[in-house]
PDB file of all heavy atoms in Angstrom:
ATOM      1  N   PHE A   1      -7.957   4.645 -11.330  1.00  0.00           N
ATOM      2  CA  PHE A   1      -8.460   6.008 -11.432  1.00  0.00           C
ATOM      3  C   PHE A   1      -7.179   6.906 -11.847  1.00  0.00           C
ATOM      4  O   PHE A   1      -6.198   6.790 -11.304  1.00  0.00           O
ATOM      5  CB  PHE A   1      -9.040   6.536 -10.093  1.00  0.00           C
ATOM      6  CG  PHE A   1      -9.610   7.916 -10.143  1.00  0.00           C
ATOM      7  CD1 PHE A   1     -10.712   8.123 -10.861  1.00  0.00           C
ATOM      8  CD2 PHE A   1      -8.866   8.934  -9.574  1.00  0.00           C
ATOM      9  CE1 PHE A   1     -11.260   9.379 -10.882  1.00  0.00           C
ATOM     10  CE2 PHE A   1      -9.402  10.193  -9.647  1.00  0.00           C
ATOM     11  CZ  PHE A   1     -10.626  10.434 -10.227  1.00  0.00           C
ATOM     12  N   GLN A   2      -7.356   7.688 -12.842  1.00  0.00           N
ATOM     13  CA  GLN A   2      -6.226   8.310 -13.521  1.00  0.00           C
ATOM     14  C   GLN A   2      -6.015   9.718 -13.091  1.00  0.00           C
ATOM     15  O   GLN A   2      -4.959  10.374 -13.372  1.00  0.00           O
ATOM     16  CB  GLN A   2      -6.467   8.318 -15.027  1.00  0.00           C
ATOM     17  CG  GLN A   2      -6.482   7.000 -15.748  1.00  0.00           C
ATOM     18  CD  GLN A   2      -5.128   6.405 -15.816  1.00  0.00           C
ATOM     19  OE1 GLN A   2      -4.110   7.062 -15.939  1.00  0.00           O
ATOM     20  NE2 GLN A   2      -5.022   5.029 -15.811  1.00  0.00           N
ATOM     21  N   LEU A   3      -6.943  10.328 -12.325  1.00  0.00           N
ATOM     22  CA  LEU A   3      -6.858  11.807 -12.009  1.00  0.00           C
ATOM     23  C   LEU A   3      -6.500  12.125 -10.633  1.00  0.00           C
ATOM     24  O   LEU A   3      -6.686  13.376 -10.249  1.00  0.00           O
ATOM     25  CB  LEU A   3      -8.192  12.431 -12.447  1.00  0.00           C
ATOM     26  CG  LEU A   3      -8.600  12.154 -13.905  1.00  0.00           C
ATOM     27  CD1 LEU A   3      -9.996  12.855 -14.103  1.00  0.00           C
ATOM     28  CD2 LEU A   3      -7.539  12.800 -14.872  1.00  0.00           C
ATOM     29  N   GLY A   4      -6.105  11.277  -9.803  1.00  0.00           N
ATOM     30  CA  GLY A   4      -5.923  11.588  -8.369  1.00  0.00           C
ATOM     31  C   GLY A   4      -4.684  10.870  -7.735  1.00  0.00           C
ATOM     32  O   GLY A   4      -4.798  10.607  -6.535  1.00  0.00           O
ATOM     33  N   GLY A   5      -3.743  10.601  -8.456  1.00  0.00           N
ATOM     34  CA  GLY A   5      -2.470   9.898  -7.825  1.00  0.00           C
ATOM     35  C   GLY A   5      -2.720   8.542  -7.422  1.00  0.00           C
ATOM     36  O   GLY A   5      -2.067   8.028  -6.532  1.00  0.00           O
ATOM     37  N   GLN A   6      -3.702   7.876  -8.068  1.00  0.00           N
ATOM     38  CA  GLN A   6      -4.063   6.445  -7.747  1.00  0.00           C
ATOM     39  C   GLN A   6      -3.346   5.418  -8.610  1.00  0.00           C
ATOM     40  O   GLN A   6      -3.617   4.218  -8.453  1.00  0.00           O
ATOM     41  CB  GLN A   6      -5.635   6.274  -7.805  1.00  0.00           C
ATOM     42  CG  GLN A   6      -6.300   7.136  -6.838  1.00  0.00           C
ATOM     43  CD  GLN A   6      -6.114   6.866  -5.505  1.00  0.00           C
ATOM     44  OE1 GLN A   6      -5.548   7.571  -4.778  1.00  0.00           O
ATOM     45  NE2 GLN A   6      -6.468   5.644  -4.952  1.00  0.00           N
ATOM     46  N   LYS A   7      -2.536   5.870  -9.585  1.00  0.00           N
ATOM     47  CA  LYS A   7      -1.949   5.033 -10.518  1.00  0.00           C
ATOM     48  C   LYS A   7      -1.059   3.869  -9.919  1.00  0.00           C
ATOM     49  O   LYS A   7      -1.034   2.801 -10.460  1.00  0.00           O
ATOM     50  CB  LYS A   7      -1.158   5.752 -11.609  1.00  0.00           C
ATOM     51  CG  LYS A   7      -1.956   6.642 -12.497  1.00  0.00           C
ATOM     52  CD  LYS A   7      -1.159   7.335 -13.549  1.00  0.00           C
ATOM     53  CE  LYS A   7      -1.943   8.222 -14.409  1.00  0.00           C
ATOM     54  NZ  LYS A   7      -1.169   8.832 -15.461  1.00  0.00           N
ATOM     55  N   GLU A   8      -0.498   4.205  -8.820  1.00  0.00           N
ATOM     56  CA  GLU A   8       0.378   3.157  -8.115  1.00  0.00           C
ATOM     57  C   GLU A   8      -0.399   2.366  -7.058  1.00  0.00           C
ATOM     58  O   GLU A   8       0.152   1.365  -6.586  1.00  0.00           O
ATOM     59  CB  GLU A   8       1.565   3.778  -7.509  1.00  0.00           C
ATOM     60  CG  GLU A   8       2.448   4.619  -8.521  1.00  0.00           C
ATOM     61  CD  GLU A   8       2.949   3.799  -9.682  1.00  0.00           C
ATOM     62  OE1 GLU A   8       3.337   2.663  -9.439  1.00  0.00           O
ATOM     63  OE2 GLU A   8       2.918   4.278 -10.882  1.00  0.00           O
ATOM     64  N   GLU A   9      -1.699   2.816  -6.741  1.00  0.00           N
ATOM     65  CA  GLU A   9      -2.356   2.062  -5.793  1.00  0.00           C
ATOM     66  C   GLU A   9      -3.124   0.874  -6.430  1.00  0.00           C
ATOM     67  O   GLU A   9      -3.401   0.840  -7.594  1.00  0.00           O
ATOM     68  CB  GLU A   9      -3.460   2.967  -5.182  1.00  0.00           C
ATOM     69  CG  GLU A   9      -2.764   4.181  -4.460  1.00  0.00           C
ATOM     70  CD  GLU A   9      -1.998   3.808  -3.189  1.00  0.00           C
ATOM     71  OE1 GLU A   9      -2.429   2.921  -2.444  1.00  0.00           O
ATOM     72  OE2 GLU A   9      -0.934   4.315  -3.028  1.00  0.00           O
ATOM     73  N   PRO A  10      -3.327  -0.149  -5.563  1.00  0.00           N
ATOM     74  CA  PRO A  10      -4.060  -1.340  -6.090  1.00  0.00           C
ATOM     75  C   PRO A  10      -5.503  -1.073  -6.415  1.00  0.00           C
ATOM     76  O   PRO A  10      -6.116  -0.234  -5.803  1.00  0.00           O
ATOM     77  CB  PRO A  10      -3.885  -2.324  -4.974  1.00  0.00           C
ATOM     78  CG  PRO A  10      -3.756  -1.609  -3.740  1.00  0.00           C
ATOM     79  CD  PRO A  10      -3.041  -0.338  -4.165  1.00  0.00           C
ATOM     80  N   SER A  11      -6.012  -1.744  -7.458  1.00  0.00           N
ATOM     81  CA  SER A  11      -7.498  -1.858  -7.595  1.00  0.00           C
ATOM     82  C   SER A  11      -8.004  -2.903  -6.694  1.00  0.00           C
ATOM     83  O   SER A  11      -7.396  -3.971  -6.476  1.00  0.00           O
ATOM     84  CB  SER A  11      -7.858  -2.217  -9.051  1.00  0.00           C
ATOM     85  OG  SER A  11      -7.412  -1.186  -9.942  1.00  0.00           O
ATOM     86  N   GLU A  12      -9.260  -2.697  -6.210  1.00  0.00           N
ATOM     87  CA  GLU A  12      -9.825  -3.688  -5.162  1.00  0.00           C
ATOM     88  C   GLU A  12     -11.276  -4.004  -5.682  1.00  0.00           C
ATOM     89  O   GLU A  12     -11.998  -3.093  -5.993  1.00  0.00           O
ATOM     90  CB  GLU A  12      -9.909  -2.940  -3.769  1.00  0.00           C
ATOM     91  CG  GLU A  12      -8.461  -2.637  -3.254  1.00  0.00           C
ATOM     92  CD  GLU A  12      -8.552  -1.987  -1.851  1.00  0.00           C
ATOM     93  OE1 GLU A  12      -9.662  -2.007  -1.241  1.00  0.00           O
ATOM     94  OE2 GLU A  12      -7.534  -1.489  -1.390  1.00  0.00           O
ATOM     95  N   PHE A  13     -11.533  -5.236  -5.590  1.00  0.00           N
ATOM     96  CA  PHE A  13     -12.806  -5.779  -5.942  1.00  0.00           C
ATOM     97  C   PHE A  13     -13.315  -6.751  -4.861  1.00  0.00           C
ATOM     98  O   PHE A  13     -12.529  -7.500  -4.263  1.00  0.00           O
ATOM     99  CB  PHE A  13     -12.843  -6.545  -7.252  1.00  0.00           C
ATOM    100  CG  PHE A  13     -12.400  -5.648  -8.397  1.00  0.00           C
ATOM    101  CD1 PHE A  13     -11.156  -5.627  -8.918  1.00  0.00           C
ATOM    102  CD2 PHE A  13     -13.419  -4.861  -9.152  1.00  0.00           C
ATOM    103  CE1 PHE A  13     -10.832  -4.867 -10.039  1.00  0.00           C
ATOM    104  CE2 PHE A  13     -13.075  -4.189 -10.217  1.00  0.00           C
ATOM    105  CZ  PHE A  13     -11.778  -4.162 -10.685  1.00  0.00           C
ATOM    106  N   ALA A  14     -14.643  -6.700  -4.594  1.00  0.00           N
ATOM    107  CA  ALA A  14     -15.394  -7.765  -3.764  1.00  0.00           C
ATOM    108  C   ALA A  14     -16.610  -7.971  -4.370  1.00  0.00           C
ATOM    109  O   ALA A  14     -17.356  -7.144  -4.704  1.00  0.00           O
ATOM    110  CB  ALA A  14     -15.379  -7.154  -2.282  1.00  0.00           C
ATOM    111  N   ILE A  15     -16.991  -9.317  -4.414  1.00  0.00           N
ATOM    112  CA  ILE A  15     -18.239  -9.661  -4.934  1.00  0.00           C
ATOM    113  C   ILE A  15     -18.907 -10.786  -4.072  1.00  0.00           C
ATOM    114  O   ILE A  15     -18.238 -11.598  -3.613  1.00  0.00           O
ATOM    115  CB  ILE A  15     -18.141 -10.154  -6.422  1.00  0.00           C
ATOM    116  CG1 ILE A  15     -19.542 -10.180  -7.163  1.00  0.00           C
ATOM    117  CG2 ILE A  15     -17.350 -11.441  -6.574  1.00  0.00           C
ATOM    118  CD1 ILE A  15     -19.463 -10.359  -8.584  1.00  0.00           C
ATOM    119  N   SER A  16     -20.211 -10.639  -3.876  1.00  0.00           N
ATOM    120  CA  SER A  16     -20.932 -11.646  -3.148  1.00  0.00           C
ATOM    121  C   SER A  16     -21.951 -12.284  -4.093  1.00  0.00           C
ATOM    122  O   SER A  16     -22.726 -11.546  -4.719  1.00  0.00           O
ATOM    123  CB  SER A  16     -21.714 -11.073  -1.980  1.00  0.00           C
ATOM    124  OG  SER A  16     -20.786 -10.524  -1.000  1.00  0.00           O
ATOM    125  N   LEU A  17     -22.034 -13.592  -4.216  1.00  0.00           N
ATOM    126  CA  LEU A  17     -22.815 -14.324  -5.062  1.00  0.00           C
ATOM    127  C   LEU A  17     -23.665 -15.353  -4.346  1.00  0.00           C
ATOM    128  O   LEU A  17     -23.025 -16.136  -3.523  1.00  0.00           O
ATOM    129  CB  LEU A  17     -22.098 -14.941  -6.241  1.00  0.00           C
ATOM    130  CG  LEU A  17     -21.234 -14.008  -7.179  1.00  0.00           C
ATOM    131  CD1 LEU A  17     -20.365 -14.852  -8.107  1.00  0.00           C
ATOM    132  CD2 LEU A  17     -22.175 -13.156  -7.958  1.00  0.00           C
ATOM    133  N   PHE A  18     -24.892 -15.555  -4.555  1.00  0.00           N
ATOM    134  CA  PHE A  18     -25.729 -16.601  -4.121  1.00  0.00           C
ATOM    135  C   PHE A  18     -25.784 -17.632  -5.084  1.00  0.00           C
ATOM    136  O   PHE A  18     -26.437 -17.480  -6.240  1.00  0.00           O
ATOM    137  CB  PHE A  18     -27.128 -16.126  -3.743  1.00  0.00           C
ATOM    138  CG  PHE A  18     -27.983 -17.065  -3.032  1.00  0.00           C
ATOM    139  CD1 PHE A  18     -27.902 -17.214  -1.616  1.00  0.00           C
ATOM    140  CD2 PHE A  18     -28.822 -17.971  -3.669  1.00  0.00           C
ATOM    141  CE1 PHE A  18     -28.666 -18.068  -0.878  1.00  0.00           C
ATOM    142  CE2 PHE A  18     -29.576 -18.881  -2.944  1.00  0.00           C
ATOM    143  CZ  PHE A  18     -29.396 -18.968  -1.588  1.00  0.00           C
ATOM    144  N   LEU A  19     -25.060 -18.777  -4.881  1.00  0.00           N
ATOM    145  CA  LEU A  19     -24.864 -19.818  -5.917  1.00  0.00           C
ATOM    146  C   LEU A  19     -25.340 -21.197  -5.381  1.00  0.00           C
ATOM    147  O   LEU A  19     -24.744 -21.766  -4.424  1.00  0.00           O
ATOM    148  CB  LEU A  19     -23.384 -19.930  -6.313  1.00  0.00           C
ATOM    149  CG  LEU A  19     -22.693 -18.593  -6.745  1.00  0.00           C
ATOM    150  CD1 LEU A  19     -21.251 -18.849  -6.911  1.00  0.00           C
ATOM    151  CD2 LEU A  19     -23.354 -18.108  -8.057  1.00  0.00           C
ATOM    152  N   ASP A  20     -26.377 -21.669  -5.980  1.00  0.00           N
ATOM    153  CA  ASP A  20     -26.847 -22.964  -5.638  1.00  0.00           C
ATOM    154  C   ASP A  20     -27.138 -23.221  -4.230  1.00  0.00           C
ATOM    155  O   ASP A  20     -26.695 -24.304  -3.664  1.00  0.00           O
ATOM    156  CB  ASP A  20     -25.955 -24.091  -6.285  1.00  0.00           C
ATOM    157  CG  ASP A  20     -26.589 -25.403  -6.514  1.00  0.00           C
ATOM    158  OD1 ASP A  20     -27.809 -25.501  -6.580  1.00  0.00           O
ATOM    159  OD2 ASP A  20     -25.850 -26.366  -6.499  1.00  0.00           O
ATOM    160  N   GLY A  21     -27.756 -22.297  -3.583  1.00  0.00           N
ATOM    161  CA  GLY A  21     -28.127 -22.456  -2.219  1.00  0.00           C
ATOM    162  C   GLY A  21     -27.160 -21.968  -1.181  1.00  0.00           C
ATOM    163  O   GLY A  21     -27.376 -22.019   0.054  1.00  0.00           O
ATOM    164  N   GLU A  22     -25.984 -21.432  -1.582  1.00  0.00           N
ATOM    165  CA  GLU A  22     -24.977 -20.981  -0.699  1.00  0.00           C
ATOM    166  C   GLU A  22     -24.489 -19.600  -1.103  1.00  0.00           C
ATOM    167  O   GLU A  22     -24.515 -19.243  -2.244  1.00  0.00           O
ATOM    168  CB  GLU A  22     -23.852 -21.962  -0.668  1.00  0.00           C
ATOM    169  CG  GLU A  22     -24.129 -23.381  -0.192  1.00  0.00           C
ATOM    170  CD  GLU A  22     -23.011 -24.244  -0.339  1.00  0.00           C
ATOM    171  OE1 GLU A  22     -22.424 -24.472  -1.545  1.00  0.00           O
ATOM    172  OE2 GLU A  22     -22.657 -24.906   0.595  1.00  0.00           O
ATOM    173  N   LEU A  23     -24.082 -18.793  -0.023  1.00  0.00           N
ATOM    174  CA  LEU A  23     -23.586 -17.501  -0.292  1.00  0.00           C
ATOM    175  C   LEU A  23     -22.067 -17.420  -0.304  1.00  0.00           C
ATOM    176  O   LEU A  23     -21.417 -17.806   0.709  1.00  0.00           O
ATOM    177  CB  LEU A  23     -24.055 -16.485   0.792  1.00  0.00           C
ATOM    178  CG  LEU A  23     -23.740 -15.099   0.757  1.00  0.00           C
ATOM    179  CD1 LEU A  23     -24.194 -14.380  -0.597  1.00  0.00           C
ATOM    180  CD2 LEU A  23     -24.225 -14.236   1.946  1.00  0.00           C
ATOM    181  N   PHE A  24     -21.437 -17.052  -1.348  1.00  0.00           N
ATOM    182  CA  PHE A  24     -20.006 -17.040  -1.536  1.00  0.00           C
ATOM    183  C   PHE A  24     -19.553 -15.508  -1.599  1.00  0.00           C
ATOM    184  O   PHE A  24     -20.292 -14.672  -2.181  1.00  0.00           O
ATOM    185  CB  PHE A  24     -19.599 -17.617  -2.741  1.00  0.00           C
ATOM    186  CG  PHE A  24     -19.773 -19.217  -2.728  1.00  0.00           C
ATOM    187  CD1 PHE A  24     -21.031 -19.736  -3.193  1.00  0.00           C
ATOM    188  CD2 PHE A  24     -18.793 -20.082  -2.208  1.00  0.00           C
ATOM    189  CE1 PHE A  24     -21.211 -21.119  -3.184  1.00  0.00           C
ATOM    190  CE2 PHE A  24     -19.104 -21.534  -2.091  1.00  0.00           C
ATOM    191  CZ  PHE A  24     -20.259 -21.944  -2.563  1.00  0.00           C
ATOM    192  N   GLU A  25     -18.330 -15.313  -1.142  1.00  0.00           N
ATOM    193  CA  GLU A  25     -17.714 -13.982  -1.143  1.00  0.00           C
ATOM    194  C   GLU A  25     -16.234 -14.097  -1.766  1.00  0.00           C
ATOM    195  O   GLU A  25     -15.555 -14.967  -1.208  1.00  0.00           O
ATOM    196  CB  GLU A  25     -17.695 -13.193   0.167  1.00  0.00           C
ATOM    197  CG  GLU A  25     -19.197 -12.959   0.637  1.00  0.00           C
ATOM    198  CD  GLU A  25     -19.117 -12.242   2.030  1.00  0.00           C
ATOM    199  OE1 GLU A  25     -18.035 -11.933   2.546  1.00  0.00           O
ATOM    200  OE2 GLU A  25     -20.197 -11.814   2.483  1.00  0.00           O
ATOM    201  N   TYR A  26     -15.911 -13.223  -2.667  1.00  0.00           N
ATOM    202  CA  TYR A  26     -14.573 -13.276  -3.189  1.00  0.00           C
ATOM    203  C   TYR A  26     -14.091 -11.856  -3.227  1.00  0.00           C
ATOM    204  O   TYR A  26     -14.813 -10.886  -3.645  1.00  0.00           O
ATOM    205  CB  TYR A  26     -14.485 -13.777  -4.605  1.00  0.00           C
ATOM    206  CG  TYR A  26     -13.160 -13.720  -5.209  1.00  0.00           C
ATOM    207  CD1 TYR A  26     -12.138 -14.572  -4.718  1.00  0.00           C
ATOM    208  CD2 TYR A  26     -12.867 -12.924  -6.306  1.00  0.00           C
ATOM    209  CE1 TYR A  26     -10.890 -14.489  -5.357  1.00  0.00           C
ATOM    210  CE2 TYR A  26     -11.641 -12.879  -6.895  1.00  0.00           C
ATOM    211  CZ  TYR A  26     -10.668 -13.717  -6.391  1.00  0.00           C
ATOM    212  OH  TYR A  26      -9.359 -13.629  -7.016  1.00  0.00           O
ATOM    213  N   GLU A  27     -12.801 -11.659  -2.632  1.00  0.00           N
ATOM    214  CA  GLU A  27     -12.200 -10.301  -2.660  1.00  0.00           C
ATOM    215  C   GLU A  27     -10.785 -10.447  -3.220  1.00  0.00           C
ATOM    216  O   GLU A  27     -10.129 -11.412  -2.930  1.00  0.00           O
ATOM    217  CB  GLU A  27     -12.136  -9.818  -1.231  1.00  0.00           C
ATOM    218  CG  GLU A  27     -11.615  -8.450  -1.113  1.00  0.00           C
ATOM    219  CD  GLU A  27     -11.686  -7.950   0.348  1.00  0.00           C
ATOM    220  OE1 GLU A  27     -12.160  -8.662   1.262  1.00  0.00           O
ATOM    221  OE2 GLU A  27     -11.224  -6.733   0.618  1.00  0.00           O
ATOM    222  N   VAL A  28     -10.377  -9.389  -4.022  1.00  0.00           N
ATOM    223  CA  VAL A  28      -9.026  -9.424  -4.570  1.00  0.00           C
ATOM    224  C   VAL A  28      -8.480  -7.994  -4.636  1.00  0.00           C
ATOM    225  O   VAL A  28      -9.282  -7.055  -4.992  1.00  0.00           O
ATOM    226  CB  VAL A  28      -8.999 -10.126  -5.888  1.00  0.00           C
ATOM    227  CG1 VAL A  28      -9.956  -9.359  -6.942  1.00  0.00           C
ATOM    228  CG2 VAL A  28      -7.621 -10.292  -6.410  1.00  0.00           C
TER     229      VAL A  28
END
């Protein structure tokens, strides 16, 4: 985000996927 002093802060993502009968979560 460019307008609030966030340029040096990390970007964060988390995704949950139901894949072939199992629930997976990935965060970075």
